[in-house]
C-alpha cells in the first residue's frame, strides 16, 4: 500500500506542475476556483464564504493525504469526496477525482475505478497516465479487449521510450488474457529491442515460450537468466514453475530453496515449495511451510 500512496503523492506534484495549478495545503491557502454564480448570497457574505470554503477544502486535502500515509483509505475517500462538495468547480478537482479512482484501484474495485477514470478521460483524453491505469483496470476485471484499445491508443504516439515500454507491457498482458500468446511474445520482444537488459521482459519471454510449448528454449532462457542474476528470487521461482510442470521435483525444490533464501518470508514461494515437498513425500516440511505462509 505504501508504494501506492507514494505514487498518489507524486502524481499530485506532477499534476500541479503540468497544469500550473497550485494547491497550498496550509491553512488559509487557496485554490482559486469558485465564482459568484456558485453562491446565492449578498456580496458581503460572499467573501466570507469563499474564505471559509477555501480553508475547509484545503483542510480536507491535508487530512486526506495524512490518512493515505496511515493507509486509511476509507477516511481518505470521505475527505476527498467532501472536498469536491465544498468546491465543485476547483481546477484541482481533476487531481482529487484521480485520487479517488486510484483508491478504488487499491481496493480492487475495478468497475468503480474504470467509471472514474473514464470520466477523467472525457475531460482530458490526452492523459496517458489515466489511460494506462484504465487499461490496467480493464485487464484486472477481465475486459482485455477494452484494455487492448487503450493500449493501442497509448502506442499510437508514445512521447518517450519509457512510455513506449510501459504501453508494450500493458498490451502484452492484454494479449495474454486474450490467449493471443504469439502477439504477447512479439510485444515482449519489442521491449527487449528497446531495452535488452530489461529483466521483466527477459523472464516474460521465457515464460511465454514455455506456454507455447517451446520448453527446451524456455529452460535455456531461464538458465541464462539465473546465471546472470544469482540474487534475483524471481528467476529461481520462474524456473521452478517450469520444472514443476516437467515433474522435476528435486530441481524445483532446489530453486524454491534459493528463492526463499532471498525472500524467506514470501508466502507465495512458501506455498509453492510446500506443494513440491508434498510431491517428494516430505509432508512435515511441507506443513511447516504452509504454517509459515499463514503467518505472513
C-alpha atoms as a PDB file:
ATOM      1  CA  UNK A   1       0.000   0.000   0.000  1.00  0.00           C
ATOM      2  CA  UNK A   2       2.829   2.453   0.791  1.00  0.00           C
ATOM      3  CA  UNK A   3       4.033   2.206  -2.787  1.00  0.00           C
ATOM      4  CA  UNK A   4       0.565   3.186  -3.988  1.00  0.00           C
ATOM      5  CA  UNK A   5       0.447   6.116  -1.612  1.00  0.00           C
ATOM      6  CA  UNK A   6       3.833   7.359  -2.752  1.00  0.00           C
ATOM      7  CA  UNK A   7       2.590   7.168  -6.327  1.00  0.00           C
ATOM      8  CA  UNK A   8      -0.503   9.144  -5.408  1.00  0.00           C
ATOM      9  CA  UNK A   9       1.535  11.910  -3.842  1.00  0.00           C
ATOM     10  CA  UNK A  10       3.979  12.012  -6.726  1.00  0.00           C
ATOM     11  CA  UNK A  11       1.018  12.301  -9.067  1.00  0.00           C
ATOM     12  CA  UNK A  12      -0.256  15.316  -7.155  1.00  0.00           C
ATOM     13  CA  UNK A  13       3.079  17.083  -7.541  1.00  0.00           C
ATOM     14  CA  UNK A  14       3.389  16.216 -11.229  1.00  0.00           C
ATOM     15  CA  UNK A  15      -0.158  17.251 -11.985  1.00  0.00           C
ATOM     16  CA  UNK A  16       0.261  20.547 -10.229  1.00  0.00           C
ATOM     17  CA  UNK A  17       3.416  21.306 -12.194  1.00  0.00           C
ATOM     18  CA  UNK A  18       1.955  20.335 -15.549  1.00  0.00           C
ATOM     19  CA  UNK A  19      -1.370  22.054 -15.016  1.00  0.00           C
ATOM     20  CA  UNK A  20       0.004  25.230 -13.429  1.00  0.00           C
ATOM     21  CA  UNK A  21      -2.367  24.656 -10.527  1.00  0.00           C
ATOM     22  CA  UNK A  22      -1.078  25.427  -7.054  1.00  0.00           C
ATOM     23  CA  UNK A  23      -2.564  23.542  -4.102  1.00  0.00           C
ATOM     24  CA  UNK A  24      -1.475  25.219  -0.881  1.00  0.00           C
ATOM     25  CA  UNK A  25      -2.113  22.722   1.893  1.00  0.00           C
ATOM     26  CA  UNK A  26      -1.503  25.221   4.691  1.00  0.00           C
ATOM     27  CA  UNK A  27      -4.460  26.683   6.488  1.00  0.00           C
ATOM     28  CA  UNK A  28      -5.640  29.727   4.649  1.00  0.00           C
ATOM     29  CA  UNK A  29      -4.041  28.636   1.413  1.00  0.00           C
ATOM     30  CA  UNK A  30      -6.277  28.728  -1.613  1.00  0.00           C
ATOM     31  CA  UNK A  31      -7.109  27.017  -4.840  1.00  0.00           C
ATOM     32  CA  UNK A  32      -8.903  29.839  -6.594  1.00  0.00           C
ATOM     33  CA  UNK A  33     -11.906  28.339  -8.292  1.00  0.00           C
ATOM     34  CA  UNK A  34     -15.364  29.494  -7.256  1.00  0.00           C
ATOM     35  CA  UNK A  35     -17.201  32.305  -8.904  1.00  0.00           C
ATOM     36  CA  UNK A  36     -20.051  34.497  -7.791  1.00  0.00           C
ATOM     37  CA  UNK A  37     -22.512  32.171  -9.523  1.00  0.00           C
ATOM     38  CA  UNK A  38     -21.618  29.438  -7.059  1.00  0.00           C
ATOM     39  CA  UNK A  39     -23.179  31.380  -4.242  1.00  0.00           C
ATOM     40  CA  UNK A  40     -26.620  32.861  -3.743  1.00  0.00           C
ATOM     41  CA  UNK A  41     -25.704  35.346  -1.015  1.00  0.00           C
ATOM     42  CA  UNK A  42     -25.066  39.074  -0.916  1.00  0.00           C
ATOM     43  CA  UNK A  43     -21.610  40.449  -1.683  1.00  0.00           C
ATOM     44  CA  UNK A  44     -20.552  40.843   1.937  1.00  0.00           C
ATOM     45  CA  UNK A  45     -21.380  37.212   2.700  1.00  0.00           C
ATOM     46  CA  UNK A  46     -19.713  36.014  -0.487  1.00  0.00           C
ATOM     47  CA  UNK A  47     -16.147  36.878   0.538  1.00  0.00           C
ATOM     48  CA  UNK A  48     -16.596  35.230   3.918  1.00  0.00           C
ATOM     49  CA  UNK A  49     -17.980  32.047   2.367  1.00  0.00           C
ATOM     50  CA  UNK A  50     -15.163  31.885  -0.177  1.00  0.00           C
ATOM     51  CA  UNK A  51     -12.572  32.167   2.575  1.00  0.00           C
ATOM     52  CA  UNK A  52     -14.292  29.554   4.743  1.00  0.00           C
ATOM     53  CA  UNK A  53     -14.699  27.105   1.886  1.00  0.00           C
ATOM     54  CA  UNK A  54     -11.086  27.573   0.840  1.00  0.00           C
ATOM     55  CA  UNK A  55      -9.873  26.793   4.345  1.00  0.00           C
ATOM     56  CA  UNK A  56     -12.206  23.794   4.686  1.00  0.00           C
ATOM     57  CA  UNK A  57     -11.265  22.495   1.222  1.00  0.00           C
ATOM     58  CA  UNK A  58      -7.543  22.654   1.909  1.00  0.00           C
ATOM     59  CA  UNK A  59      -8.049  21.166   5.353  1.00  0.00           C
ATOM     60  CA  UNK A  60      -9.867  18.203   3.781  1.00  0.00           C
ATOM     61  CA  UNK A  61      -6.982  17.671   1.358  1.00  0.00           C
ATOM     62  CA  UNK A  62      -4.383  17.853   4.128  1.00  0.00           C
ATOM     63  CA  UNK A  63      -6.282  15.375   6.274  1.00  0.00           C
ATOM     64  CA  UNK A  64      -6.888  13.102   3.270  1.00  0.00           C
ATOM     65  CA  UNK A  65      -3.166  12.922   2.480  1.00  0.00           C
ATOM     66  CA  UNK A  66      -2.393  12.216   6.120  1.00  0.00           C
ATOM     67  CA  UNK A  67      -4.969   9.415   6.042  1.00  0.00           C
ATOM     68  CA  UNK A  68      -3.317   7.953   2.954  1.00  0.00           C
ATOM     69  CA  UNK A  69       0.020   7.897   4.756  1.00  0.00           C
ATOM     70  CA  UNK A  70      -1.690   5.961   7.540  1.00  0.00           C
ATOM     71  CA  UNK A  71      -3.198   3.553   4.975  1.00  0.00           C
ATOM     72  CA  UNK A  72      -6.689   4.675   5.962  1.00  0.00           C
ATOM     73  CA  UNK A  73      -8.366   4.557   2.562  1.00  0.00           C
ATOM     74  CA  UNK A  74     -11.895   4.912   3.910  1.00  0.00           C
ATOM     75  CA  UNK A  75     -11.088   8.135   5.725  1.00  0.00           C
ATOM     76  CA  UNK A  76      -9.141   9.488   2.760  1.00  0.00           C
ATOM     77  CA  UNK A  77     -12.027   8.741   0.418  1.00  0.00           C
ATOM     78  CA  UNK A  78     -14.535  10.514   2.684  1.00  0.00           C
ATOM     79  CA  UNK A  79     -12.336  13.592   2.963  1.00  0.00           C
ATOM     80  CA  UNK A  80     -11.649  13.800  -0.770  1.00  0.00           C
ATOM     81  CA  UNK A  81     -15.357  13.445  -1.525  1.00  0.00           C
ATOM     82  CA  UNK A  82     -16.096  16.228   0.969  1.00  0.00           C
ATOM     83  CA  UNK A  83     -13.520  18.453  -0.721  1.00  0.00           C
ATOM     84  CA  UNK A  84     -15.368  18.001  -4.010  1.00  0.00           C
ATOM     85  CA  UNK A  85     -18.649  19.090  -2.453  1.00  0.00           C
ATOM     86  CA  UNK A  86     -17.030  22.142  -0.846  1.00  0.00           C
ATOM     87  CA  UNK A  87     -15.501  23.447  -4.076  1.00  0.00           C
ATOM     88  CA  UNK A  88     -17.125  21.640  -7.012  1.00  0.00           C
ATOM     89  CA  UNK A  89     -15.521  23.971  -9.566  1.00  0.00           C
ATOM     90  CA  UNK A  90     -11.972  23.965  -8.196  1.00  0.00           C
ATOM     91  CA  UNK A  91      -9.469  23.353 -11.024  1.00  0.00           C
ATOM     92  CA  UNK A  92      -7.565  20.920  -8.807  1.00  0.00           C
ATOM     93  CA  UNK A  93     -10.598  18.630  -8.597  1.00  0.00           C
ATOM     94  CA  UNK A  94      -9.328  16.686 -11.588  1.00  0.00           C
ATOM     95  CA  UNK A  95      -6.480  15.587  -9.344  1.00  0.00           C
ATOM     96  CA  UNK A  96      -8.818  14.849  -6.443  1.00  0.00           C
ATOM     97  CA  UNK A  97     -11.013  12.639  -8.631  1.00  0.00           C
ATOM     98  CA  UNK A  98      -7.889  10.845  -9.868  1.00  0.00           C
ATOM     99  CA  UNK A  99      -7.008  10.110  -6.255  1.00  0.00           C
ATOM    100  CA  UNK A 100     -10.460   8.672  -5.693  1.00  0.00           C
ATOM    101  CA  UNK A 101     -10.154   6.422  -8.735  1.00  0.00           C
ATOM    102  CA  UNK A 102      -6.790   5.157  -7.514  1.00  0.00           C
ATOM    103  CA  UNK A 103      -8.259   4.404  -4.113  1.00  0.00           C
ATOM    104  CA  UNK A 104     -10.830   2.215  -5.888  1.00  0.00           C
ATOM    105  CA  UNK A 105      -7.961   0.527  -7.737  1.00  0.00           C
ATOM    106  CA  UNK A 106      -6.136  -0.132  -4.470  1.00  0.00           C
ATOM    107  CA  UNK A 107      -9.250  -1.832  -3.105  1.00  0.00           C
ATOM    108  CA  UNK A 108      -9.706  -3.918  -6.229  1.00  0.00           C
ATOM    109  CA  UNK A 109     -12.931  -2.092  -7.071  1.00  0.00           C
ATOM    110  CA  UNK A 110     -12.093  -2.005 -10.746  1.00  0.00           C
ATOM    111  CA  UNK A 111     -15.560  -1.223 -12.083  1.00  0.00           C
ATOM    112  CA  UNK A 112     -15.730   1.901  -9.908  1.00  0.00           C
ATOM    113  CA  UNK A 113     -12.177   2.824 -10.855  1.00  0.00           C
ATOM    114  CA  UNK A 114     -12.961   2.473 -14.570  1.00  0.00           C
ATOM    115  CA  UNK A 115     -16.007   4.697 -14.161  1.00  0.00           C
ATOM    116  CA  UNK A 116     -13.947   7.441 -12.536  1.00  0.00           C
ATOM    117  CA  UNK A 117     -11.038   7.137 -14.975  1.00  0.00           C
ATOM    118  CA  UNK A 118     -13.406   7.232 -17.951  1.00  0.00           C
ATOM    119  CA  UNK A 119     -14.890  10.485 -16.672  1.00  0.00           C
ATOM    120  CA  UNK A 120     -11.400  11.945 -16.379  1.00  0.00           C
ATOM    121  CA  UNK A 121     -10.537  10.851 -19.931  1.00  0.00           C
ATOM    122  CA  UNK A 122     -13.605  12.637 -21.275  1.00  0.00           C
ATOM    123  CA  UNK A 123     -12.120  15.836 -19.867  1.00  0.00           C
ATOM    124  CA  UNK A 124      -8.514  15.111 -20.873  1.00  0.00           C
ATOM    125  CA  UNK A 125      -8.300  12.349 -23.488  1.00  0.00           C
ATOM    126  CA  UNK A 126      -4.570  13.012 -23.839  1.00  0.00           C
ATOM    127  CA  UNK A 127      -3.843  11.984 -20.236  1.00  0.00           C
ATOM    128  CA  UNK A 128      -1.645   8.927 -20.765  1.00  0.00           C
ATOM    129  CA  UNK A 129      -1.352   8.070 -17.081  1.00  0.00           C
ATOM    130  CA  UNK A 130      -5.110   7.854 -16.656  1.00  0.00           C
ATOM    131  CA  UNK A 131      -5.492   5.823 -19.857  1.00  0.00           C
ATOM    132  CA  UNK A 132      -2.789   3.405 -18.740  1.00  0.00           C
ATOM    133  CA  UNK A 133      -4.480   2.964 -15.383  1.00  0.00           C
ATOM    134  CA  UNK A 134      -7.797   2.304 -17.076  1.00  0.00           C
ATOM    135  CA  UNK A 135      -6.129  -0.334 -19.258  1.00  0.00           C
ATOM    136  CA  UNK A 136      -4.774  -1.993 -16.104  1.00  0.00           C
ATOM    137  CA  UNK A 137      -8.234  -1.960 -14.519  1.00  0.00           C
ATOM    138  CA  UNK A 138      -9.762  -3.481 -17.648  1.00  0.00           C
ATOM    139  CA  UNK A 139      -7.166  -6.286 -17.548  1.00  0.00           C
ATOM    140  CA  UNK A 140      -7.773  -6.940 -13.852  1.00  0.00           C
ATOM    141  CA  UNK A 141     -11.532  -7.010 -14.340  1.00  0.00           C
ATOM    142  CA  UNK A 142     -11.405  -9.376 -17.322  1.00  0.00           C
ATOM    143  CA  UNK A 143     -12.154  -6.885 -20.099  1.00  0.00           C
ATOM    144  CA  UNK A 144      -8.956  -7.449 -22.065  1.00  0.00           C
ATOM    145  CA  UNK A 145     -10.447  -6.228 -25.349  1.00  0.00           C
ATOM    146  CA  UNK A 146     -11.169  -2.803 -23.874  1.00  0.00           C
ATOM    147  CA  UNK A 147      -7.665  -2.800 -22.397  1.00  0.00           C
ATOM    148  CA  UNK A 148      -6.243  -3.546 -25.835  1.00  0.00           C
ATOM    149  CA  UNK A 149      -7.957  -0.472 -27.272  1.00  0.00           C
ATOM    150  CA  UNK A 150      -6.443   1.742 -24.579  1.00  0.00           C
ATOM    151  CA  UNK A 151      -3.017   0.168 -25.165  1.00  0.00           C
ATOM    152  CA  UNK A 152      -3.233   0.792 -28.894  1.00  0.00           C
ATOM    153  CA  UNK A 153      -4.103   4.426 -28.189  1.00  0.00           C
ATOM    154  CA  UNK A 154      -1.067   4.720 -25.911  1.00  0.00           C
ATOM    155  CA  UNK A 155       1.200   3.143 -28.521  1.00  0.00           C
ATOM    156  CA  UNK A 156      -0.039   5.385 -31.318  1.00  0.00           C
ATOM    157  CA  UNK A 157       2.297   8.190 -30.259  1.00  0.00           C
ATOM    158  CA  UNK A 158       4.356   7.412 -27.160  1.00  0.00           C
ATOM    159  CA  UNK A 159       6.237  10.553 -26.080  1.00  0.00           C
ATOM    160  CA  UNK A 160       9.221   8.694 -24.664  1.00  0.00           C
ATOM    161  CA  UNK A 161      10.979   5.341 -24.667  1.00  0.00           C
ATOM    162  CA  UNK A 162       9.780   4.654 -21.113  1.00  0.00           C
ATOM    163  CA  UNK A 163       6.176   5.316 -22.146  1.00  0.00           C
ATOM    164  CA  UNK A 164       6.584   3.007 -25.123  1.00  0.00           C
ATOM    165  CA  UNK A 165       7.921   0.191 -22.925  1.00  0.00           C
ATOM    166  CA  UNK A 166       5.151   0.658 -20.357  1.00  0.00           C
ATOM    167  CA  UNK A 167       2.444   0.528 -23.037  1.00  0.00           C
ATOM    168  CA  UNK A 168       4.007  -2.577 -24.591  1.00  0.00           C
ATOM    169  CA  UNK A 169       3.956  -4.355 -21.235  1.00  0.00           C
ATOM    170  CA  UNK A 170       0.298  -3.428 -20.787  1.00  0.00           C
ATOM    171  CA  UNK A 171      -0.569  -4.701 -24.256  1.00  0.00           C
ATOM    172  CA  UNK A 172       1.375  -7.901 -23.578  1.00  0.00           C
ATOM    173  CA  UNK A 173      -0.879  -8.505 -20.580  1.00  0.00           C
ATOM    174  CA  UNK A 174      -3.969  -7.793 -22.683  1.00  0.00           C
ATOM    175  CA  UNK A 175      -2.886 -10.170 -25.451  1.00  0.00           C
ATOM    176  CA  UNK A 176      -2.059 -12.836 -22.890  1.00  0.00           C
ATOM    177  CA  UNK A 177      -5.502 -12.509 -21.328  1.00  0.00           C
ATOM    178  CA  UNK A 178      -6.989 -12.886 -24.824  1.00  0.00           C
ATOM    179  CA  UNK A 179      -4.888 -16.065 -25.323  1.00  0.00           C
ATOM    180  CA  UNK A 180      -3.016 -14.438 -28.199  1.00  0.00           C
ATOM    181  CA  UNK A 181       0.334 -15.649 -26.906  1.00  0.00           C
ATOM    182  CA  UNK A 182       2.195 -15.082 -30.169  1.00  0.00           C
ATOM    183  CA  UNK A 183       1.283 -11.389 -30.106  1.00  0.00           C
ATOM    184  CA  UNK A 184       2.195 -11.152 -26.429  1.00  0.00           C
ATOM    185  CA  UNK A 185       5.590 -12.630 -27.267  1.00  0.00           C
ATOM    186  CA  UNK A 186       6.067 -10.165 -30.118  1.00  0.00           C
ATOM    187  CA  UNK A 187       5.416  -7.228 -27.787  1.00  0.00           C
ATOM    188  CA  UNK A 188       7.769  -8.662 -25.179  1.00  0.00           C
ATOM    189  CA  UNK A 189      10.493  -8.950 -27.777  1.00  0.00           C
ATOM    190  CA  UNK A 190       9.770  -5.381 -28.853  1.00  0.00           C
ATOM    191  CA  UNK A 191      10.521  -4.329 -25.271  1.00  0.00           C
ATOM    192  CA  UNK A 192      13.799  -6.232 -25.410  1.00  0.00           C
ATOM    193  CA  UNK A 193      14.740  -4.495 -28.658  1.00  0.00           C
ATOM    194  CA  UNK A 194      14.338  -1.173 -26.864  1.00  0.00           C
ATOM    195  CA  UNK A 195      15.862  -2.341 -23.577  1.00  0.00           C
ATOM    196  CA  UNK A 196      17.866  -5.576 -23.973  1.00  0.00           C
ATOM    197  CA  UNK A 197      18.682  -5.671 -20.247  1.00  0.00           C
ATOM    198  CA  UNK A 198      15.051  -5.483 -19.124  1.00  0.00           C
ATOM    199  CA  UNK A 199      14.784  -8.256 -16.532  1.00  0.00           C
ATOM    200  CA  UNK A 200      10.989  -8.436 -16.521  1.00  0.00           C
ATOM    201  CA  UNK A 201      10.822  -8.799 -20.291  1.00  0.00           C
ATOM    202  CA  UNK A 202      13.571 -11.447 -20.252  1.00  0.00           C
ATOM    203  CA  UNK A 203      11.668 -13.599 -17.767  1.00  0.00           C
ATOM    204  CA  UNK A 204       8.380 -12.965 -19.515  1.00  0.00           C
ATOM    205  CA  UNK A 205       9.807 -14.070 -22.861  1.00  0.00           C
ATOM    206  CA  UNK A 206      10.901 -17.386 -21.344  1.00  0.00           C
ATOM    207  CA  UNK A 207       7.516 -17.876 -19.698  1.00  0.00           C
ATOM    208  CA  UNK A 208       5.650 -17.223 -22.945  1.00  0.00           C
ATOM    209  CA  UNK A 209       7.929 -19.623 -24.808  1.00  0.00           C
ATOM    210  CA  UNK A 210       7.090 -22.303 -22.238  1.00  0.00           C
ATOM    211  CA  UNK A 211       3.368 -21.648 -22.712  1.00  0.00           C
ATOM    212  CA  UNK A 212       3.814 -22.078 -26.452  1.00  0.00           C
ATOM    213  CA  UNK A 213       5.371 -25.499 -25.884  1.00  0.00           C
ATOM    214  CA  UNK A 214       8.955 -24.446 -26.543  1.00  0.00           C
ATOM    215  CA  UNK A 215      10.077 -25.982 -23.259  1.00  0.00           C
ATOM    216  CA  UNK A 216      13.742 -26.554 -24.057  1.00  0.00           C
ATOM    217  CA  UNK A 217      14.223 -22.983 -25.270  1.00  0.00           C
ATOM    218  CA  UNK A 218      12.348 -21.615 -22.259  1.00  0.00           C
ATOM    219  CA  UNK A 219      14.534 -23.617 -19.866  1.00  0.00           C
ATOM    220  CA  UNK A 220      17.641 -22.389 -21.639  1.00  0.00           C
ATOM    221  CA  UNK A 221      16.477 -18.775 -21.195  1.00  0.00           C
ATOM    222  CA  UNK A 222      15.782 -19.373 -17.502  1.00  0.00           C
ATOM    223  CA  UNK A 223      19.215 -20.942 -17.020  1.00  0.00           C
ATOM    224  CA  UNK A 224      20.911 -17.969 -18.633  1.00  0.00           C
ATOM    225  CA  UNK A 225      18.866 -15.580 -16.527  1.00  0.00           C
ATOM    226  CA  UNK A 226      19.639 -17.314 -13.227  1.00  0.00           C
ATOM    227  CA  UNK A 227      23.332 -17.440 -14.089  1.00  0.00           C
ATOM    228  CA  UNK A 228      23.337 -13.707 -14.755  1.00  0.00           C
ATOM    229  CA  UNK A 229      21.157 -12.783 -11.757  1.00  0.00           C
ATOM    230  CA  UNK A 230      22.112 -15.003  -8.828  1.00  0.00           C
ATOM    231  CA  UNK A 231      20.320 -12.844  -6.277  1.00  0.00           C
ATOM    232  CA  UNK A 232      17.013 -12.478  -8.119  1.00  0.00           C
ATOM    233  CA  UNK A 233      14.357 -14.647  -6.495  1.00  0.00           C
ATOM    234  CA  UNK A 234      12.012 -14.239  -9.464  1.00  0.00           C
ATOM    235  CA  UNK A 235      14.416 -16.092 -11.752  1.00  0.00           C
ATOM    236  CA  UNK A 236      14.576 -19.129  -9.475  1.00  0.00           C
ATOM    237  CA  UNK A 237      10.806 -19.088  -8.943  1.00  0.00           C
ATOM    238  CA  UNK A 238      10.071 -18.872 -12.673  1.00  0.00           C
ATOM    239  CA  UNK A 239      12.412 -21.744 -13.454  1.00  0.00           C
ATOM    240  CA  UNK A 240      10.901 -23.767 -10.604  1.00  0.00           C
ATOM    241  CA  UNK A 241       7.427 -23.355 -12.097  1.00  0.00           C
ATOM    242  CA  UNK A 242       8.615 -24.849 -15.375  1.00  0.00           C
ATOM    243  CA  UNK A 243      10.368 -27.645 -13.501  1.00  0.00           C
ATOM    244  CA  UNK A 244       7.129 -28.436 -11.674  1.00  0.00           C
ATOM    245  CA  UNK A 245       5.314 -28.724 -14.999  1.00  0.00           C
ATOM    246  CA  UNK A 246       8.068 -31.103 -16.114  1.00  0.00           C
ATOM    247  CA  UNK A 247       7.736 -33.012 -12.795  1.00  0.00           C
ATOM    248  CA  UNK A 248      11.366 -32.253 -11.988  1.00  0.00           C
ATOM    249  CA  UNK A 249      10.617 -32.203  -8.268  1.00  0.00           C
ATOM    250  CA  UNK A 250      14.146 -32.160  -6.866  1.00  0.00           C
ATOM    251  CA  UNK A 251      15.219 -29.383  -9.208  1.00  0.00           C
ATOM    252  CA  UNK A 252      12.096 -27.399  -8.367  1.00  0.00           C
ATOM    253  CA  UNK A 253      12.763 -27.800  -4.653  1.00  0.00           C
ATOM    254  CA  UNK A 254      16.329 -26.553  -5.097  1.00  0.00           C
ATOM    255  CA  UNK A 255      15.117 -23.486  -6.974  1.00  0.00           C
ATOM    256  CA  UNK A 256      12.426 -22.696  -4.423  1.00  0.00           C
ATOM    257  CA  UNK A 257      15.061 -23.078  -1.702  1.00  0.00           C
ATOM    258  CA  UNK A 258      17.172 -20.454  -3.449  1.00  0.00           C
ATOM    259  CA  UNK A 259      14.215 -18.132  -3.994  1.00  0.00           C
ATOM    260  CA  UNK A 260      13.309 -18.390  -0.307  1.00  0.00           C
ATOM    261  CA  UNK A 261      16.908 -17.783   0.690  1.00  0.00           C
ATOM    262  CA  UNK A 262      16.500 -14.383  -0.960  1.00  0.00           C
ATOM    263  CA  UNK A 263      12.892 -13.768   0.117  1.00  0.00           C
ATOM    264  CA  UNK A 264      12.424 -16.007   3.171  1.00  0.00           C
ATOM    265  CA  UNK A 265       9.009 -14.701   4.210  1.00  0.00           C
ATOM    266  CA  UNK A 266       7.301 -14.736   0.807  1.00  0.00           C
ATOM    267  CA  UNK A 267       4.020 -16.646   1.342  1.00  0.00           C
ATOM    268  CA  UNK A 268       3.590 -17.436  -2.355  1.00  0.00           C
ATOM    269  CA  UNK A 269       7.017 -19.047  -2.503  1.00  0.00           C
ATOM    270  CA  UNK A 270       6.396 -20.927   0.747  1.00  0.00           C
ATOM    271  CA  UNK A 271       3.156 -22.400  -0.553  1.00  0.00           C
ATOM    272  CA  UNK A 272       4.749 -23.325  -3.886  1.00  0.00           C
ATOM    273  CA  UNK A 273       7.601 -25.106  -2.127  1.00  0.00           C
ATOM    274  CA  UNK A 274       5.126 -26.879   0.160  1.00  0.00           C
ATOM    275  CA  UNK A 275       3.433 -28.402  -2.875  1.00  0.00           C
ATOM    276  CA  UNK A 276       6.791 -29.652  -4.175  1.00  0.00           C
ATOM    277  CA  UNK A 277       7.754 -31.046  -0.763  1.00  0.00           C
ATOM    278  CA  UNK A 278       4.478 -32.965  -0.628  1.00  0.00           C
ATOM    279  CA  UNK A 279       5.269 -34.468  -4.005  1.00  0.00           C
ATOM    280  CA  UNK A 280       8.589 -35.591  -2.578  1.00  0.00           C
ATOM    281  CA  UNK A 281       6.837 -37.168   0.416  1.00  0.00           C
ATOM    282  CA  UNK A 282       8.279 -34.605   2.847  1.00  0.00           C
ATOM    283  CA  UNK A 283       4.956 -33.808   4.478  1.00  0.00           C
ATOM    284  CA  UNK A 284       6.354 -32.486   7.755  1.00  0.00           C
ATOM    285  CA  UNK A 285       8.465 -29.917   5.927  1.00  0.00           C
ATOM    286  CA  UNK A 286       5.521 -29.049   3.686  1.00  0.00           C
ATOM    287  CA  UNK A 287       3.336 -28.465   6.740  1.00  0.00           C
ATOM    288  CA  UNK A 288       5.960 -26.155   8.207  1.00  0.00           C
ATOM    289  CA  UNK A 289       5.997 -24.078   5.002  1.00  0.00           C
ATOM    290  CA  UNK A 290       2.213 -23.835   4.914  1.00  0.00           C
ATOM    291  CA  UNK A 291       2.081 -22.717   8.543  1.00  0.00           C
ATOM    292  CA  UNK A 292       4.780 -20.129   7.881  1.00  0.00           C
ATOM    293  CA  UNK A 293       2.820 -18.823   4.890  1.00  0.00           C
ATOM    294  CA  UNK A 294      -0.297 -18.377   7.053  1.00  0.00           C
ATOM    295  CA  UNK A 295       1.657 -16.227   9.489  1.00  0.00           C
ATOM    296  CA  UNK A 296       2.664 -13.782   6.783  1.00  0.00           C
END
